[in-house]
Amino acid sequence: MISACKTIIQSDQNLNQINQVVKYDQKYIVLDIRSQNEQEDRPLKLSNFLVKTLPFYYLDSQFSALDQKKSYLLYCNNGLMSRLQALFLREKGFNNVEIYFP
């Protein structure tokens, strides 16, 4: 039980270490990780950022195919899924992910 609590606390601390980016920087590409239905219902249109779409359920299998010289800002509706997916990708060795939270 104590071990499980330590794991939860460590995961929460790791989530807090992932940066949220709100200002424009051309080194970033915003990656809309919402489901396809959410993307169609409320398209993400940003004038300052290049936006690509890759639903969260494809990140595990397709993120490595993206240009790894670029930095990616993960976006979802409320920030929770983007934080979790950024943590997951960081644990897999991808350090070029942060969170876009307007």
Protein backbone atom coordinates (compact mmCIF):
# COMPACT_ATOMS: atom_id res chain seq x y z
CA MET A 1 0.00 0.00 0.00
CA ILE A 2 2.77 2.44 0.91
CA SER A 3 4.59 1.59 -2.31
CA ALA A 4 1.48 2.37 -4.36
CA CYS A 5 1.09 5.73 -2.60
CA LYS A 6 4.74 6.58 -3.30
CA THR A 7 4.21 5.73 -6.97
CA ILE A 8 1.15 8.00 -7.16
CA ILE A 9 3.00 10.85 -5.44
CA GLN A 10 6.00 10.44 -7.78
CA SER A 11 3.72 10.43 -10.84
CA ASP A 12 2.02 13.60 -9.61
CA GLN A 13 5.41 15.28 -9.10
CA ASN A 14 6.47 14.24 -12.61
CA LEU A 15 3.27 15.71 -14.05
CA ASN A 16 4.06 19.02 -12.39
CA GLN A 17 7.51 19.08 -14.00
CA ILE A 18 6.10 19.21 -17.53
CA ASN A 19 6.05 22.78 -18.77
CA GLN A 20 2.94 24.55 -19.95
CA VAL A 21 3.56 26.92 -22.81
CA VAL A 22 1.18 29.76 -23.53
CA LYS A 23 3.33 32.16 -25.55
CA TYR A 24 4.27 31.87 -29.18
CA ASP A 25 7.64 30.42 -30.09
CA GLN A 26 8.17 29.21 -33.64
CA LYS A 27 10.18 26.20 -32.48
CA TYR A 28 6.93 24.56 -31.36
CA ILE A 29 4.27 22.63 -33.22
CA VAL A 30 0.96 22.26 -31.43
CA LEU A 31 -0.20 18.67 -31.52
CA ASP A 32 -3.97 18.40 -31.03
CA ILE A 33 -4.38 15.04 -29.29
CA ARG A 34 -8.15 15.17 -28.84
CA SER A 35 -10.27 12.45 -30.40
CA GLN A 36 -11.21 12.89 -34.02
CA ASN A 37 -14.82 13.72 -33.07
CA GLU A 38 -13.68 16.46 -30.68
CA GLN A 39 -11.37 17.87 -33.34
CA GLU A 40 -14.20 17.98 -35.88
CA ASP A 41 -16.68 19.50 -33.41
CA ARG A 42 -14.29 22.21 -32.20
CA PRO A 43 -11.32 22.62 -34.54
CA LEU A 44 -8.23 24.18 -33.00
CA LYS A 45 -7.22 27.20 -35.03
CA LEU A 46 -4.21 29.19 -33.92
CA SER A 47 -2.70 32.01 -35.91
CA ASN A 48 0.71 31.85 -34.21
CA PHE A 49 1.36 28.11 -34.17
CA LEU A 50 1.46 25.34 -36.72
CA VAL A 51 -1.20 22.84 -35.60
CA LYS A 52 -1.12 19.13 -36.40
CA THR A 53 -3.58 16.50 -35.28
CA LEU A 54 -2.76 13.14 -33.78
CA PRO A 55 -5.41 11.66 -31.47
CA PHE A 56 -4.02 10.50 -28.12
CA TYR A 57 -4.77 6.86 -28.89
CA TYR A 58 -2.24 6.98 -31.77
CA LEU A 59 0.56 8.73 -29.87
CA ASP A 60 2.22 5.53 -28.69
CA SER A 61 2.51 4.08 -32.18
CA GLN A 62 2.98 7.24 -34.27
CA PHE A 63 4.80 9.90 -32.23
CA SER A 64 8.24 8.53 -33.11
CA ALA A 65 7.46 9.04 -36.83
CA LEU A 66 7.19 12.82 -36.30
CA ASP A 67 10.22 15.05 -36.85
CA GLN A 68 12.09 14.62 -33.58
CA LYS A 69 14.14 17.77 -34.19
CA LYS A 70 10.95 19.74 -33.50
CA SER A 71 9.35 20.46 -30.14
CA TYR A 72 5.70 19.57 -29.64
CA LEU A 73 3.05 21.14 -27.47
CA LEU A 74 0.29 18.66 -26.66
CA TYR A 75 -3.22 20.07 -26.54
CA CYS A 76 -6.49 18.68 -25.21
CA ASN A 77 -9.67 20.36 -23.94
CA ASN A 78 -8.85 20.61 -20.24
CA GLY A 79 -5.14 19.81 -20.01
CA LEU A 80 -5.40 16.48 -18.20
CA MET A 81 -4.97 14.16 -21.18
CA SER A 82 -2.14 16.28 -22.57
CA ARG A 83 -0.32 16.13 -19.22
CA LEU A 84 -0.73 12.37 -18.97
CA GLN A 85 0.38 11.80 -22.55
CA ALA A 86 3.37 14.13 -22.14
CA LEU A 87 4.44 12.16 -19.07
CA PHE A 88 4.01 8.90 -20.97
CA LEU A 89 6.11 10.17 -23.89
CA ARG A 90 8.79 11.52 -21.55
CA GLU A 91 9.00 8.13 -19.85
CA LYS A 92 9.60 6.63 -23.30
CA GLY A 93 12.52 9.01 -23.82
CA PHE A 94 10.88 11.80 -25.82
CA ASN A 95 11.98 15.02 -24.15
CA ASN A 96 10.63 17.29 -26.89
CA VAL A 97 7.08 17.46 -25.51
CA GLU A 98 5.40 20.09 -23.41
CA ILE A 99 1.83 21.24 -22.95
CA TYR A 100 -0.12 23.94 -24.74
CA PHE A 101 -2.73 25.45 -22.47
CA PRO A 102 -4.29 28.66 -23.83
